[in-house]
Amino acid sequence: MLKKYHVKKGDKVIVNSGSWKGEEATVKVILPKKDRVVLELANMTPEKQERIGRRTVKKSKANPNGGMIERSVSTHVSNVNKVAEAKAEK
């Protein structure tokens, strides 16, 4: 059975809670199995830009050097609101 969400791919959203609270972003992908959305954040401060999507990984055949890799930021779908809805609530 398909789940319905209040956001879809390409929507402009504002993050309500978590590490990226208050940031404006665009939804890149929706992950229905985990109820998460992958975000493309915009207009961020330099210190937040530095820690965005960076994860430490062990050495492996797929990643022979290990260390820090770039990943997209994801958050639970309930932690985001569409920009139009967020402005109407204020």
PDB file of N, CA and C in Angstrom:
ATOM      1  N   MET A   1       0.843  -1.177   0.000  1.00  0.00           N
ATOM      2  CA  MET A   1       0.000   0.000   0.000  1.00  0.00           C
ATOM      3  C   MET A   1       0.893   1.247   0.000  1.00  0.00           C
ATOM      4  N   LEU A   2       0.583   2.188  -0.842  1.00  0.00           N
ATOM      5  CA  LEU A   2       1.374   3.403  -0.942  1.00  0.00           C
ATOM      6  C   LEU A   2       1.039   4.374   0.182  1.00  0.00           C
ATOM      7  N   LYS A   3       2.080   5.011   0.703  1.00  0.00           N
ATOM      8  CA  LYS A   3       1.886   6.025   1.729  1.00  0.00           C
ATOM      9  C   LYS A   3       1.724   7.376   1.052  1.00  0.00           C
ATOM     10  N   LYS A   4       0.941   8.244   1.668  1.00  0.00           N
ATOM     11  CA  LYS A   4       0.777   9.602   1.160  1.00  0.00           C
ATOM     12  C   LYS A   4       1.486  10.553   2.107  1.00  0.00           C
ATOM     13  N   TYR A   5       2.178  11.516   1.529  1.00  0.00           N
ATOM     14  CA  TYR A   5       2.906  12.503   2.313  1.00  0.00           C
ATOM     15  C   TYR A   5       2.450  13.901   1.948  1.00  0.00           C
ATOM     16  N   HIS A   6       2.700  14.838   2.841  1.00  0.00           N
ATOM     17  CA  HIS A   6       2.309  16.228   2.613  1.00  0.00           C
ATOM     18  C   HIS A   6       3.311  16.971   1.739  1.00  0.00           C
ATOM     19  N   VAL A   7       4.427  16.326   1.397  1.00  0.00           N
ATOM     20  CA  VAL A   7       5.436  16.926   0.514  1.00  0.00           C
ATOM     21  C   VAL A   7       5.716  15.962  -0.623  1.00  0.00           C
ATOM     22  N   LYS A   8       6.259  16.500  -1.713  1.00  0.00           N
ATOM     23  CA  LYS A   8       6.655  15.650  -2.829  1.00  0.00           C
ATOM     24  C   LYS A   8       7.983  16.154  -3.375  1.00  0.00           C
ATOM     25  N   LYS A   9       8.567  15.404  -4.259  1.00  0.00           N
ATOM     26  CA  LYS A   9       9.861  15.742  -4.841  1.00  0.00           C
ATOM     27  C   LYS A   9       9.791  17.114  -5.510  1.00  0.00           C
ATOM     28  N   GLY A  10      10.777  17.964  -5.197  1.00  0.00           N
ATOM     29  CA  GLY A  10      10.836  19.289  -5.790  1.00  0.00           C
ATOM     30  C   GLY A  10      10.198  20.383  -4.950  1.00  0.00           C
ATOM     31  N   ASP A  11       9.467  20.025  -3.883  1.00  0.00           N
ATOM     32  CA  ASP A  11       8.827  21.029  -3.024  1.00  0.00           C
ATOM     33  C   ASP A  11       9.866  21.801  -2.215  1.00  0.00           C
ATOM     34  N   LYS A  12       9.601  23.078  -2.002  1.00  0.00           N
ATOM     35  CA  LYS A  12      10.418  23.899  -1.103  1.00  0.00           C
ATOM     36  C   LYS A  12       9.857  23.705   0.299  1.00  0.00           C
ATOM     37  N   VAL A  13      10.734  23.383   1.267  1.00  0.00           N
ATOM     38  CA  VAL A  13      10.299  23.108   2.629  1.00  0.00           C
ATOM     39  C   VAL A  13      11.169  23.853   3.635  1.00  0.00           C
ATOM     40  N   ILE A  14      10.646  23.963   4.862  1.00  0.00           N
ATOM     41  CA  ILE A  14      11.402  24.481   5.996  1.00  0.00           C
ATOM     42  C   ILE A  14      11.496  23.357   7.014  1.00  0.00           C
ATOM     43  N   VAL A  15      12.696  23.143   7.564  1.00  0.00           N
ATOM     44  CA  VAL A  15      12.918  22.084   8.540  1.00  0.00           C
ATOM     45  C   VAL A  15      12.465  22.583   9.915  1.00  0.00           C
ATOM     46  N   ASN A  16      11.590  21.788  10.598  1.00  0.00           N
ATOM     47  CA  ASN A  16      11.015  22.171  11.886  1.00  0.00           C
ATOM     48  C   ASN A  16      11.894  21.833  13.071  1.00  0.00           C
ATOM     49  N   SER A  17      12.600  20.707  13.004  1.00  0.00           N
ATOM     50  CA  SER A  17      13.380  20.272  14.154  1.00  0.00           C
ATOM     51  C   SER A  17      14.597  19.487  13.702  1.00  0.00           C
ATOM     52  N   GLY A  18      15.494  19.248  14.640  1.00  0.00           N
ATOM     53  CA  GLY A  18      16.700  18.509  14.336  1.00  0.00           C
ATOM     54  C   GLY A  18      17.877  19.438  14.092  1.00  0.00           C
ATOM     55  N   SER A  19      18.961  18.894  13.566  1.00  0.00           N
ATOM     56  CA  SER A  19      20.192  19.650  13.342  1.00  0.00           C
ATOM     57  C   SER A  19      20.016  20.786  12.349  1.00  0.00           C
ATOM     58  N   TRP A  20      19.064  20.669  11.457  1.00  0.00           N
ATOM     59  CA  TRP A  20      18.896  21.650  10.376  1.00  0.00           C
ATOM     60  C   TRP A  20      17.672  22.527  10.605  1.00  0.00           C
ATOM     61  N   LYS A  21      17.245  22.688  11.854  1.00  0.00           N
ATOM     62  CA  LYS A  21      16.056  23.482  12.199  1.00  0.00           C
ATOM     63  C   LYS A  21      16.167  24.906  11.652  1.00  0.00           C
ATOM     64  N   GLY A  22      15.091  25.350  11.002  1.00  0.00           N
ATOM     65  CA  GLY A  22      15.034  26.704  10.475  1.00  0.00           C
ATOM     66  C   GLY A  22      15.609  26.860   9.076  1.00  0.00           C
ATOM     67  N   GLU A  23      16.215  25.827   8.542  1.00  0.00           N
ATOM     68  CA  GLU A  23      16.816  25.912   7.213  1.00  0.00           C
ATOM     69  C   GLU A  23      15.769  25.681   6.131  1.00  0.00           C
ATOM     70  N   GLU A  24      15.910  26.379   5.023  1.00  0.00           N
ATOM     71  CA  GLU A  24      15.042  26.183   3.867  1.00  0.00           C
ATOM     72  C   GLU A  24      15.736  25.197   2.933  1.00  0.00           C
ATOM     73  N   ALA A  25      14.967  24.278   2.365  1.00  0.00           N
ATOM     74  CA  ALA A  25      15.552  23.231   1.528  1.00  0.00           C
ATOM     75  C   ALA A  25      14.577  22.828   0.433  1.00  0.00           C
ATOM     76  N   THR A  26      15.089  22.020  -0.491  1.00  0.00           N
ATOM     77  CA  THR A  26      14.279  21.433  -1.551  1.00  0.00           C
ATOM     78  C   THR A  26      14.313  19.923  -1.384  1.00  0.00           C
ATOM     79  N   VAL A  27      13.166  19.269  -1.541  1.00  0.00           N
ATOM     80  CA  VAL A  27      13.093  17.815  -1.412  1.00  0.00           C
ATOM     81  C   VAL A  27      13.665  17.191  -2.683  1.00  0.00           C
ATOM     82  N   LYS A  28      14.714  16.362  -2.525  1.00  0.00           N
ATOM     83  CA  LYS A  28      15.320  15.672  -3.669  1.00  0.00           C
ATOM     84  C   LYS A  28      14.683  14.309  -3.887  1.00  0.00           C
ATOM     85  N   VAL A  29      14.477  13.557  -2.785  1.00  0.00           N
ATOM     86  CA  VAL A  29      13.949  12.190  -2.866  1.00  0.00           C
ATOM     87  C   VAL A  29      13.105  11.921  -1.629  1.00  0.00           C
ATOM     88  N   ILE A  30      12.074  11.093  -1.770  1.00  0.00           N
ATOM     89  CA  ILE A  30      11.296  10.617  -0.633  1.00  0.00           C
ATOM     90  C   ILE A  30      11.576   9.132  -0.472  1.00  0.00           C
ATOM     91  N   LEU A  31      11.914   8.705   0.763  1.00  0.00           N
ATOM     92  CA  LEU A  31      12.203   7.306   1.068  1.00  0.00           C
ATOM     93  C   LEU A  31      11.040   6.732   1.872  1.00  0.00           C
ATOM     94  N   PRO A  32      10.031   6.134   1.206  1.00  0.00           N
ATOM     95  CA  PRO A  32       8.820   5.710   1.906  1.00  0.00           C
ATOM     96  C   PRO A  32       9.039   4.573   2.904  1.00  0.00           C
ATOM     97  N   LYS A  33      10.022   3.705   2.690  1.00  0.00           N
ATOM     98  CA  LYS A  33      10.242   2.603   3.630  1.00  0.00           C
ATOM     99  C   LYS A  33      10.694   3.094   4.994  1.00  0.00           C
ATOM    100  N   LYS A  34      11.402   4.217   5.024  1.00  0.00           N
ATOM    101  CA  LYS A  34      11.900   4.761   6.283  1.00  0.00           C
ATOM    102  C   LYS A  34      11.193   6.061   6.682  1.00  0.00           C
ATOM    103  N   ASP A  35      10.204   6.493   5.907  1.00  0.00           N
ATOM    104  CA  ASP A  35       9.473   7.748   6.155  1.00  0.00           C
ATOM    105  C   ASP A  35      10.417   8.939   6.263  1.00  0.00           C
ATOM    106  N   ARG A  36      11.385   9.018   5.366  1.00  0.00           N
ATOM    107  CA  ARG A  36      12.363  10.099   5.386  1.00  0.00           C
ATOM    108  C   ARG A  36      12.383  10.818   4.052  1.00  0.00           C
ATOM    109  N   VAL A  37      12.869  12.067   4.087  1.00  0.00           N
ATOM    110  CA  VAL A  37      13.064  12.841   2.869  1.00  0.00           C
ATOM    111  C   VAL A  37      14.523  13.265   2.797  1.00  0.00           C
ATOM    112  N   VAL A  38      15.087  13.212   1.588  1.00  0.00           N
ATOM    113  CA  VAL A  38      16.449  13.666   1.349  1.00  0.00           C
ATOM    114  C   VAL A  38      16.354  15.115   0.893  1.00  0.00           C
ATOM    115  N   LEU A  39      17.135  15.980   1.539  1.00  0.00           N
ATOM    116  CA  LEU A  39      17.029  17.415   1.312  1.00  0.00           C
ATOM    117  C   LEU A  39      18.265  17.981   0.639  1.00  0.00           C
ATOM    118  N   GLU A  40      18.037  19.027  -0.154  1.00  0.00           N
ATOM    119  CA  GLU A  40      19.112  19.833  -0.716  1.00  0.00           C
ATOM    120  C   GLU A  40      18.989  21.198  -0.051  1.00  0.00           C
ATOM    121  N   LEU A  41      19.887  21.470   0.895  1.00  0.00           N
ATOM    122  CA  LEU A  41      19.814  22.702   1.678  1.00  0.00           C
ATOM    123  C   LEU A  41      20.412  23.865   0.903  1.00  0.00           C
ATOM    124  N   ALA A  42      19.876  25.076   1.150  1.00  0.00           N
ATOM    125  CA  ALA A  42      20.347  26.272   0.448  1.00  0.00           C
ATOM    126  C   ALA A  42      20.533  27.401   1.452  1.00  0.00           C
ATOM    127  N   ASN A  43      21.358  28.408   1.082  1.00  0.00           N
ATOM    128  CA  ASN A  43      21.573  29.606   1.897  1.00  0.00           C
ATOM    129  C   ASN A  43      21.985  29.282   3.329  1.00  0.00           C
ATOM    130  N   MET A  44      23.042  28.486   3.465  1.00  0.00           N
ATOM    131  CA  MET A  44      23.494  28.077   4.790  1.00  0.00           C
ATOM    132  C   MET A  44      24.714  28.866   5.239  1.00  0.00           C
ATOM    133  N   THR A  45      24.889  28.963   6.549  1.00  0.00           N
ATOM    134  CA  THR A  45      26.075  29.611   7.106  1.00  0.00           C
ATOM    135  C   THR A  45      27.292  28.727   6.824  1.00  0.00           C
ATOM    136  N   PRO A  46      28.492  29.305   6.768  1.00  0.00           N
ATOM    137  CA  PRO A  46      29.685  28.516   6.445  1.00  0.00           C
ATOM    138  C   PRO A  46      29.945  27.347   7.405  1.00  0.00           C
ATOM    139  N   GLU A  47      29.687  27.518   8.719  1.00  0.00           N
ATOM    140  CA  GLU A  47      29.940  26.411   9.646  1.00  0.00           C
ATOM    141  C   GLU A  47      28.964  25.260   9.440  1.00  0.00           C
ATOM    142  N   LYS A  48      27.713  25.557   9.095  1.00  0.00           N
ATOM    143  CA  LYS A  48      26.765  24.487   8.798  1.00  0.00           C
ATOM    144  C   LYS A  48      27.089  23.845   7.452  1.00  0.00           C
ATOM    145  N   GLN A  49      27.551  24.650   6.503  1.00  0.00           N
ATOM    146  CA  GLN A  49      27.926  24.125   5.182  1.00  0.00           C
ATOM    147  C   GLN A  49      29.061  23.110   5.315  1.00  0.00           C
ATOM    148  N   GLU A  50      29.953  23.348   6.278  1.00  0.00           N
ATOM    149  CA  GLU A  50      31.095  22.467   6.467  1.00  0.00           C
ATOM    150  C   GLU A  50      30.692  21.085   6.956  1.00  0.00           C
ATOM    151  N   ARG A  51      29.693  21.006   7.831  1.00  0.00           N
ATOM    152  CA  ARG A  51      29.332  19.699   8.391  1.00  0.00           C
ATOM    153  C   ARG A  51      28.179  19.011   7.662  1.00  0.00           C
ATOM    154  N   ILE A  52      27.690  19.615   6.587  1.00  0.00           N
ATOM    155  CA  ILE A  52      26.575  19.029   5.852  1.00  0.00           C
ATOM    156  C   ILE A  52      26.971  17.706   5.202  1.00  0.00           C
ATOM    157  N   GLY A  53      26.224  16.681   5.504  1.00  0.00           N
ATOM    158  CA  GLY A  53      26.342  15.413   4.821  1.00  0.00           C
ATOM    159  C   GLY A  53      27.705  14.753   4.850  1.00  0.00           C
ATOM    160  N   ARG A  54      28.544  15.039   5.821  1.00  0.00           N
ATOM    161  CA  ARG A  54      29.860  14.410   5.895  1.00  0.00           C
ATOM    162  C   ARG A  54      29.786  13.274   6.902  1.00  0.00           C
ATOM    163  N   ARG A  55      30.205  12.083   6.478  1.00  0.00           N
ATOM    164  CA  ARG A  55      30.179  10.917   7.349  1.00  0.00           C
ATOM    165  C   ARG A  55      31.536  10.222   7.295  1.00  0.00           C
ATOM    166  N   THR A  56      31.929   9.616   8.412  1.00  0.00           N
ATOM    167  CA  THR A  56      33.160   8.843   8.464  1.00  0.00           C
ATOM    168  C   THR A  56      32.830   7.401   8.129  1.00  0.00           C
ATOM    169  N   VAL A  57      33.628   6.790   7.233  1.00  0.00           N
ATOM    170  CA  VAL A  57      33.413   5.397   6.857  1.00  0.00           C
ATOM    171  C   VAL A  57      34.715   4.625   6.981  1.00  0.00           C
ATOM    172  N   LYS A  58      34.574   3.322   7.227  1.00  0.00           N
ATOM    173  CA  LYS A  58      35.742   2.447   7.313  1.00  0.00           C
ATOM    174  C   LYS A  58      36.241   2.125   5.910  1.00  0.00           C
ATOM    175  N   LYS A  59      37.466   1.654   5.823  1.00  0.00           N
ATOM    176  CA  LYS A  59      37.995   1.206   4.535  1.00  0.00           C
ATOM    177  C   LYS A  59      37.235  -0.033   4.085  1.00  0.00           C
ATOM    178  N   SER A  60      36.991  -0.115   2.781  1.00  0.00           N
ATOM    179  CA  SER A  60      36.319  -1.285   2.203  1.00  0.00           C
ATOM    180  C   SER A  60      36.695  -1.358   0.730  1.00  0.00           C
ATOM    181  N   LYS A  61      36.236  -2.405   0.075  1.00  0.00           N
ATOM    182  CA  LYS A  61      36.511  -2.520  -1.363  1.00  0.00           C
ATOM    183  C   LYS A  61      35.831  -1.392  -2.133  1.00  0.00           C
ATOM    184  N   ALA A  62      34.640  -1.032  -1.714  1.00  0.00           N
ATOM    185  CA  ALA A  62      33.909   0.044  -2.386  1.00  0.00           C
ATOM    186  C   ALA A  62      34.531   1.409  -2.107  1.00  0.00           C
ATOM    187  N   ASN A  63      35.124   1.577  -0.927  1.00  0.00           N
ATOM    188  CA  ASN A  63      35.733   2.847  -0.533  1.00  0.00           C
ATOM    189  C   ASN A  63      37.125   2.556   0.040  1.00  0.00           C
ATOM    190  N   PRO A  64      38.131   2.361  -0.822  1.00  0.00           N
ATOM    191  CA  PRO A  64      39.442   1.898  -0.373  1.00  0.00           C
ATOM    192  C   PRO A  64      40.190   2.861   0.547  1.00  0.00           C
ATOM    193  N   ASN A  65      39.914   4.148   0.488  1.00  0.00           N
ATOM    194  CA  ASN A  65      40.624   5.098   1.334  1.00  0.00           C
ATOM    195  C   ASN A  65      39.961   5.318   2.687  1.00  0.00           C
ATOM    196  N   GLY A  66      38.682   5.035   2.788  1.00  0.00           N
ATOM    197  CA  GLY A  66      37.972   5.300   4.035  1.00  0.00           C
ATOM    198  C   GLY A  66      37.904   6.789   4.310  1.00  0.00           C
ATOM    199  N   GLY A  67      37.705   7.174   5.558  1.00  0.00           N
ATOM    200  CA  GLY A  67      37.691   8.581   5.932  1.00  0.00           C
ATOM    201  C   GLY A  67      36.351   9.246   5.725  1.00  0.00           C
ATOM    202  N   MET A  68      36.394  10.544   5.428  1.00  0.00           N
ATOM    203  CA  MET A  68      35.182  11.343   5.282  1.00  0.00           C
ATOM    204  C   MET A  68      34.635  11.257   3.857  1.00  0.00           C
ATOM    205  N   ILE A  69      33.312  11.048   3.748  1.00  0.00           N
ATOM    206  CA  ILE A  69      32.652  11.050   2.441  1.00  0.00           C
ATOM    207  C   ILE A  69      31.472  12.011   2.492  1.00  0.00           C
ATOM    208  N   GLU A  70      31.044  12.468   1.328  1.00  0.00           N
ATOM    209  CA  GLU A  70      29.894  13.371   1.210  1.00  0.00           C
ATOM    210  C   GLU A  70      28.615  12.547   1.064  1.00  0.00           C
ATOM    211  N   ARG A  71      27.581  12.891   1.829  1.00  0.00           N
ATOM    212  CA  ARG A  71      26.276  12.271   1.693  1.00  0.00           C
ATOM    213  C   ARG A  71      25.208  13.339   1.778  1.00  0.00           C
ATOM    214  N   SER A  72      24.062  13.046   1.246  1.00  0.00           N
ATOM    215  CA  SER A  72      22.944  13.992   1.324  1.00  0.00           C
ATOM    216  C   SER A  72      22.356  13.980   2.730  1.00  0.00           C
ATOM    217  N   VAL A  73      21.715  15.068   3.095  1.00  0.00           N
ATOM    218  CA  VAL A  73      21.076  15.195   4.398  1.00  0.00           C
ATOM    219  C   VAL A  73      19.663  14.649   4.296  1.00  0.00           C
ATOM    220  N   SER A  74      19.287  13.795   5.263  1.00  0.00           N
ATOM    221  CA  SER A  74      17.908  13.311   5.285  1.00  0.00           C
ATOM    222  C   SER A  74      17.315  13.568   6.662  1.00  0.00           C
ATOM    223  N   THR A  75      16.010  13.705   6.693  1.00  0.00           N
ATOM    224  CA  THR A  75      15.294  13.907   7.945  1.00  0.00           C
ATOM    225  C   THR A  75      13.929  13.230   7.833  1.00  0.00           C
ATOM    226  N   HIS A  76      13.297  12.998   8.975  1.00  0.00           N
ATOM    227  CA  HIS A  76      11.978  12.375   8.973  1.00  0.00           C
ATOM    228  C   HIS A  76      10.981  13.316   8.306  1.00  0.00           C
ATOM    229  N   VAL A  77      10.034  12.749   7.599  1.00  0.00           N
ATOM    230  CA  VAL A  77       9.073  13.546   6.829  1.00  0.00           C
ATOM    231  C   VAL A  77       8.232  14.451   7.730  1.00  0.00           C
ATOM    232  N   SER A  78       8.054  14.086   8.988  1.00  0.00           N
ATOM    233  CA  SER A  78       7.262  14.916   9.894  1.00  0.00           C
ATOM    234  C   SER A  78       8.014  16.165  10.346  1.00  0.00           C
ATOM    235  N   ASN A  79       9.307  16.232  10.084  1.00  0.00           N
ATOM    236  CA  ASN A  79      10.113  17.377  10.512  1.00  0.00           C
ATOM    237  C   ASN A  79      10.200  18.478   9.464  1.00  0.00           C
ATOM    238  N   VAL A  80       9.414  18.385   8.401  1.00  0.00           N
ATOM    239  CA  VAL A  80       9.437  19.426   7.373  1.00  0.00           C
ATOM    240  C   VAL A  80       8.027  19.896   7.059  1.00  0.00           C
ATOM    241  N   ASN A  81       7.908  21.165   6.671  1.00  0.00           N
ATOM    242  CA  ASN A  81       6.650  21.764   6.202  1.00  0.00           C
ATOM    243  C   ASN A  81       6.920  22.478   4.903  1.00  0.00           C
ATOM    244  N   LYS A  82       5.932  22.496   4.025  1.00  0.00           N
ATOM    245  CA  LYS A  82       6.057  23.275   2.800  1.00  0.00           C
ATOM    246  C   LYS A  82       6.221  24.741   3.161  1.00  0.00           C
ATOM    247  N   VAL A  83       6.928  25.484   2.334  1.00  0.00           N
ATOM    248  CA  VAL A  83       7.195  26.896   2.601  1.00  0.00           C
ATOM    249  C   VAL A  83       5.895  27.678   2.685  1.00  0.00           C
ATOM    250  N   ALA A  84       4.942  27.442   1.796  1.00  0.00           N
ATOM    251  CA  ALA A  84       3.679  28.184   1.788  1.00  0.00           C
ATOM    252  C   ALA A  84       2.898  27.927   3.072  1.00  0.00           C
ATOM    253  N   GLU A  85       2.883  26.668   3.556  1.00  0.00           N
ATOM    254  CA  GLU A  85       2.171  26.322   4.789  1.00  0.00           C
ATOM    255  C   GLU A  85       2.842  26.978   5.989  1.00  0.00           C
ATOM    256  N   ALA A  86       4.151  26.978   6.013  1.00  0.00           N
ATOM    257  CA  ALA A  86       4.894  27.537   7.146  1.00  0.00           C
ATOM    258  C   ALA A  86       4.653  29.040   7.252  1.00  0.00           C
ATOM    259  N   LYS A  87       4.599  29.748   6.129  1.00  0.00           N
ATOM    260  CA  LYS A  87       4.366  31.184   6.155  1.00  0.00           C
ATOM    261  C   LYS A  87       2.936  31.507   6.572  1.00  0.00           C
ATOM    262  N   ALA A  88       1.986  30.655   6.208  1.00  0.00           N
ATOM    263  CA  ALA A  88       0.586  30.884   6.562  1.00  0.00           C
ATOM    264  C   ALA A  88       0.354  30.693   8.067  1.00  0.00           C
ATOM    265  N   GLU A  89       1.119  29.805   8.717  1.00  0.00           N
ATOM    266  CA  GLU A  89       0.958  29.537  10.143  1.00  0.00           C
ATOM    267  C   GLU A  89       1.439  30.698  10.988  1.00  0.00           C
ATOM    268  N   LYS A  90       2.397  31.479  10.509  1.00  0.00           N
ATOM    269  CA  LYS A  90       2.980  32.563  11.318  1.00  0.00           C
ATOM    270  C   LYS A  90       2.079  33.733  11.461  1.00  0.00           C
TER     271      LYS A  90
END
